[in-house]
C-alpha atoms as a PDB file:
ATOM      1  CA  MET A   1     -13.922 -56.870 139.720  1.00  0.00           C
ATOM      2  CA  PRO A   2     -17.844 -57.477 140.453  1.00  0.00           C
ATOM      3  CA  SER A   3     -18.845 -61.227 141.826  1.00  0.00           C
ATOM      4  CA  HIS A   4     -21.060 -62.569 139.122  1.00  0.00           C
ATOM      5  CA  SER A   5     -22.173 -65.308 141.468  1.00  0.00           C
ATOM      6  CA  GLY A   6     -25.365 -66.363 142.866  1.00  0.00           C
ATOM      7  CA  ALA A   7     -28.936 -65.383 141.609  1.00  0.00           C
ATOM      8  CA  ARG A   8     -28.646 -62.611 138.477  1.00  0.00           C
ATOM      9  CA  PRO A   9     -31.354 -61.690 136.097  1.00  0.00           C
ATOM     10  CA  ARG A  10     -31.961 -63.223 132.819  1.00  0.00           C
ATOM     11  CA  PRO A  11     -30.840 -61.494 129.596  1.00  0.00           C
ATOM     12  CA  LEU A  12     -34.546 -60.973 128.891  1.00  0.00           C
ATOM     13  CA  PRO A  13     -34.665 -60.441 125.097  1.00  0.00           C
ATOM     14  CA  GLU A  14     -36.765 -58.102 123.779  1.00  0.00           C
ATOM     15  CA  GLN A  15     -37.275 -58.491 119.794  1.00  0.00           C
ATOM     16  CA  THR A  16     -38.511 -55.821 117.545  1.00  0.00           C
ATOM     17  CA  ALA A  17     -38.546 -55.430 113.475  1.00  0.00           C
ATOM     18  CA  ALA A  18     -36.598 -52.135 113.292  1.00  0.00           C
ATOM     19  CA  THR A  19     -37.378 -52.482 109.423  1.00  0.00           C
ATOM     20  CA  GLU A  20     -38.876 -54.934 107.053  1.00  0.00           C
ATOM     21  CA  ASP A  21     -36.048 -57.352 107.037  1.00  0.00           C
ATOM     22  CA  ILE A  22     -33.803 -56.129 109.848  1.00  0.00           C
ATOM     23  CA  SER A  23     -34.378 -58.044 113.563  1.00  0.00           C
ATOM     24  CA  VAL A  24     -33.515 -56.263 116.798  1.00  0.00           C
ATOM     25  CA  VAL A  25     -32.817 -58.355 119.844  1.00  0.00           C
ATOM     26  CA  THR A  26     -32.260 -55.886 123.122  1.00  0.00           C
ATOM     27  CA  LEU A  27     -30.724 -57.758 125.997  1.00  0.00           C
ATOM     28  CA  HIS A  28     -30.417 -57.119 129.626  1.00  0.00           C
ATOM     29  CA  GLY A  29     -28.214 -58.226 132.366  1.00  0.00           C
ATOM     30  CA  ALA A  30     -25.099 -60.643 133.118  1.00  0.00           C
ATOM     31  CA  ILE A  31     -24.999 -63.402 129.869  1.00  0.00           C
ATOM     32  CA  ASP A  32     -23.359 -66.427 131.013  1.00  0.00           C
ATOM     33  CA  HIS A  33     -23.736 -70.118 131.403  1.00  0.00           C
ATOM     34  CA  HIS A  34     -27.105 -70.274 133.722  1.00  0.00           C
ATOM     35  CA  ASN A  35     -29.136 -67.921 130.477  1.00  0.00           C
ATOM     36  CA  VAL A  36     -27.173 -68.869 127.569  1.00  0.00           C
ATOM     37  CA  ASP A  37     -30.105 -71.258 126.229  1.00  0.00           C
ATOM     38  CA  ASP A  38     -32.428 -68.293 126.285  1.00  0.00           C
ATOM     39  CA  LEU A  39     -30.054 -66.326 124.320  1.00  0.00           C
ATOM     40  CA  SER A  40     -29.397 -68.613 121.609  1.00  0.00           C
ATOM     41  CA  ASP A  41     -33.314 -69.674 121.265  1.00  0.00           C
ATOM     42  CA  SER A  42     -34.077 -65.919 120.640  1.00  0.00           C
ATOM     43  CA  LEU A  43     -31.326 -65.481 118.232  1.00  0.00           C
ATOM     44  CA  LEU A  44     -31.717 -68.885 116.436  1.00  0.00           C
ATOM     45  CA  PHE A  45     -35.025 -70.229 115.046  1.00  0.00           C
ATOM     46  CA  PRO A  46     -35.662 -73.852 114.896  1.00  0.00           C
ATOM     47  CA  HIS A  47     -32.781 -75.930 113.147  1.00  0.00           C
ATOM     48  CA  GLY A  48     -30.399 -73.389 113.997  1.00  0.00           C
ATOM     49  CA  ALA A  49     -31.670 -71.037 111.450  1.00  0.00           C
ATOM     50  CA  ALA A  50     -31.821 -67.360 112.349  1.00  0.00           C
ATOM     51  CA  THR A  51     -33.107 -64.314 111.227  1.00  0.00           C
ATOM     52  CA  ALA A  52     -30.546 -63.188 108.450  1.00  0.00           C
ATOM     53  CA  ARG A  53     -30.050 -60.027 109.295  1.00  0.00           C
ATOM     54  CA  THR A  54     -30.089 -59.475 112.934  1.00  0.00           C
ATOM     55  CA  VAL A  55     -28.707 -56.408 115.445  1.00  0.00           C
ATOM     56  CA  ILE A  56     -27.775 -57.065 119.112  1.00  0.00           C
ATOM     57  CA  ASN A  57     -28.078 -54.372 121.145  1.00  0.00           C
ATOM     58  CA  LEU A  58     -26.058 -54.835 124.055  1.00  0.00           C
ATOM     59  CA  SER A  59     -26.427 -51.187 126.195  1.00  0.00           C
ATOM     60  CA  ALA A  60     -27.687 -53.234 128.636  1.00  0.00           C
ATOM     61  CA  VAL A  61     -25.840 -55.425 129.040  1.00  0.00           C
ATOM     62  CA  THR A  62     -23.751 -55.471 132.030  1.00  0.00           C
ATOM     63  CA  PHE A  63     -21.310 -58.705 131.744  1.00  0.00           C
ATOM     64  CA  ILE A  64     -20.996 -61.436 129.256  1.00  0.00           C
ATOM     65  CA  ASP A  65     -18.595 -64.812 129.087  1.00  0.00           C
ATOM     66  CA  SER A  66     -17.263 -67.372 126.916  1.00  0.00           C
ATOM     67  CA  SER A  67     -20.379 -69.066 126.722  1.00  0.00           C
ATOM     68  CA  GLY A  68     -22.603 -65.631 125.478  1.00  0.00           C
ATOM     69  CA  ILE A  69     -19.271 -65.389 122.561  1.00  0.00           C
ATOM     70  CA  ASN A  70     -19.997 -68.707 121.879  1.00  0.00           C
ATOM     71  CA  ALA A  71     -23.617 -67.719 120.837  1.00  0.00           C
ATOM     72  CA  PHE A  72     -22.948 -64.956 119.110  1.00  0.00           C
ATOM     73  CA  ILE A  73     -20.765 -66.560 116.741  1.00  0.00           C
ATOM     74  CA  THR A  74     -22.913 -69.425 116.483  1.00  0.00           C
ATOM     75  CA  ALA A  75     -25.891 -67.243 115.227  1.00  0.00           C
ATOM     76  CA  HIS A  76     -23.371 -64.868 113.451  1.00  0.00           C
ATOM     77  CA  HIS A  77     -22.574 -68.591 111.311  1.00  0.00           C
ATOM     78  CA  ALA A  78     -26.263 -69.035 110.816  1.00  0.00           C
ATOM     79  CA  ALA A  79     -26.977 -65.874 109.611  1.00  0.00           C
ATOM     80  CA  GLN A  80     -24.030 -66.217 107.182  1.00  0.00           C
ATOM     81  CA  ARG A  81     -25.480 -69.082 105.970  1.00  0.00           C
ATOM     82  CA  ALA A  82     -28.691 -67.210 105.349  1.00  0.00           C
ATOM     83  CA  GLY A  83     -26.907 -64.948 103.227  1.00  0.00           C
ATOM     84  CA  GLY A  84     -27.513 -62.541 106.114  1.00  0.00           C
ATOM     85  CA  TRP A  85     -25.152 -60.946 109.021  1.00  0.00           C
ATOM     86  CA  LEU A  86     -25.443 -60.547 112.942  1.00  0.00           C
ATOM     87  CA  ARG A  87     -23.831 -57.147 114.157  1.00  0.00           C
ATOM     88  CA  LEU A  88     -23.466 -55.948 117.809  1.00  0.00           C
ATOM     89  CA  ALA A  89     -24.623 -52.717 118.761  1.00  0.00           C
ATOM     90  CA  GLY A  90     -23.728 -50.248 121.885  1.00  0.00           C
ATOM     91  CA  PRO A  91     -21.372 -52.361 124.136  1.00  0.00           C
ATOM     92  CA  VAL A  92     -20.657 -50.688 127.548  1.00  0.00           C
ATOM     93  CA  ALA A  93     -17.150 -49.980 128.134  1.00  0.00           C
ATOM     94  CA  SER A  94     -16.712 -53.155 130.161  1.00  0.00           C
ATOM     95  CA  VAL A  95     -18.614 -55.557 127.694  1.00  0.00           C
ATOM     96  CA  LEU A  96     -16.573 -53.761 124.928  1.00  0.00           C
ATOM     97  CA  ARG A  97     -13.482 -54.835 126.629  1.00  0.00           C
ATOM     98  CA  ILE A  98     -13.983 -58.590 126.923  1.00  0.00           C
ATOM     99  CA  ILE A  99     -15.567 -58.332 123.071  1.00  0.00           C
ATOM    100  CA  GLU A 100     -11.919 -56.770 122.073  1.00  0.00           C
ATOM    101  CA  MET A 101     -10.053 -59.066 124.007  1.00  0.00           C
ATOM    102  CA  VAL A 102     -11.736 -62.430 122.736  1.00  0.00           C
ATOM    103  CA  GLY A 103     -11.357 -60.725 119.127  1.00  0.00           C
ATOM    104  CA  LEU A 104     -15.302 -61.320 118.404  1.00  0.00           C
ATOM    105  CA  ASP A 105     -15.112 -57.998 116.956  1.00  0.00           C
ATOM    106  CA  GLU A 106     -12.621 -59.093 114.543  1.00  0.00           C
ATOM    107  CA  ILE A 107     -15.273 -61.862 113.674  1.00  0.00           C
ATOM    108  CA  MET A 108     -18.395 -59.580 113.672  1.00  0.00           C
ATOM    109  CA  ASP A 109     -18.774 -56.274 113.061  1.00  0.00           C
ATOM    110  CA  CYS A 110     -19.708 -53.933 116.323  1.00  0.00           C
ATOM    111  CA  TYR A 111     -21.053 -50.611 116.425  1.00  0.00           C
ATOM    112  CA  PRO A 112     -21.514 -47.979 118.878  1.00  0.00           C
ATOM    113  CA  SER A 113     -25.068 -47.724 118.881  1.00  0.00           C
ATOM    114  CA  THR A 114     -27.903 -49.494 117.449  1.00  0.00           C
ATOM    115  CA  ARG A 115     -28.916 -46.344 115.059  1.00  0.00           C
ATOM    116  CA  ARG A 116     -25.337 -46.804 113.659  1.00  0.00           C
ATOM    117  CA  ALA A 117     -25.107 -50.466 113.427  1.00  0.00           C
ATOM    118  CA  LEU A 118     -29.029 -50.077 111.484  1.00  0.00           C
ATOM    119  CA  ALA A 119     -27.378 -47.562 109.248  1.00  0.00           C
ATOM    120  CA  ALA A 120     -24.177 -49.562 107.832  1.00  0.00           C
END
C-alpha cells in the first residue's frame, strides 16, 4: 500500500458549469485530513448551502480517507436540503473500492464517468 505521509498536492478543484443548473467539480490528487477544508470550501457555499445539483469528477483522485468521505456526505445532505443531489463520477479502482467499502455508494449515486452522471 502506498504511503500517504509527507507533502502531497492539494485536491485542486476546478468548477465548471456543465449545464445551466448542474455544477461539475473536478478533483485531483489525494483527499485527506490535510486538505479536506479546501474540498469542503469548494463543495459548500457560505452558511453550508450547496449547489443543488453537483457532479464530483473523481477520475484524477488517487486516494480518499474518512475526512473526504465525510465531506461528501455533508455536501450530499446540503444538496438534498436545497432540493438537489450530489453524484460521484469516474473514481479509479482504488478509490471506488473505498467508496464501496464504507457504503458511500449506497448513500449517493456513483457513476463510471462524468458524462454518465450528467445524463442520469
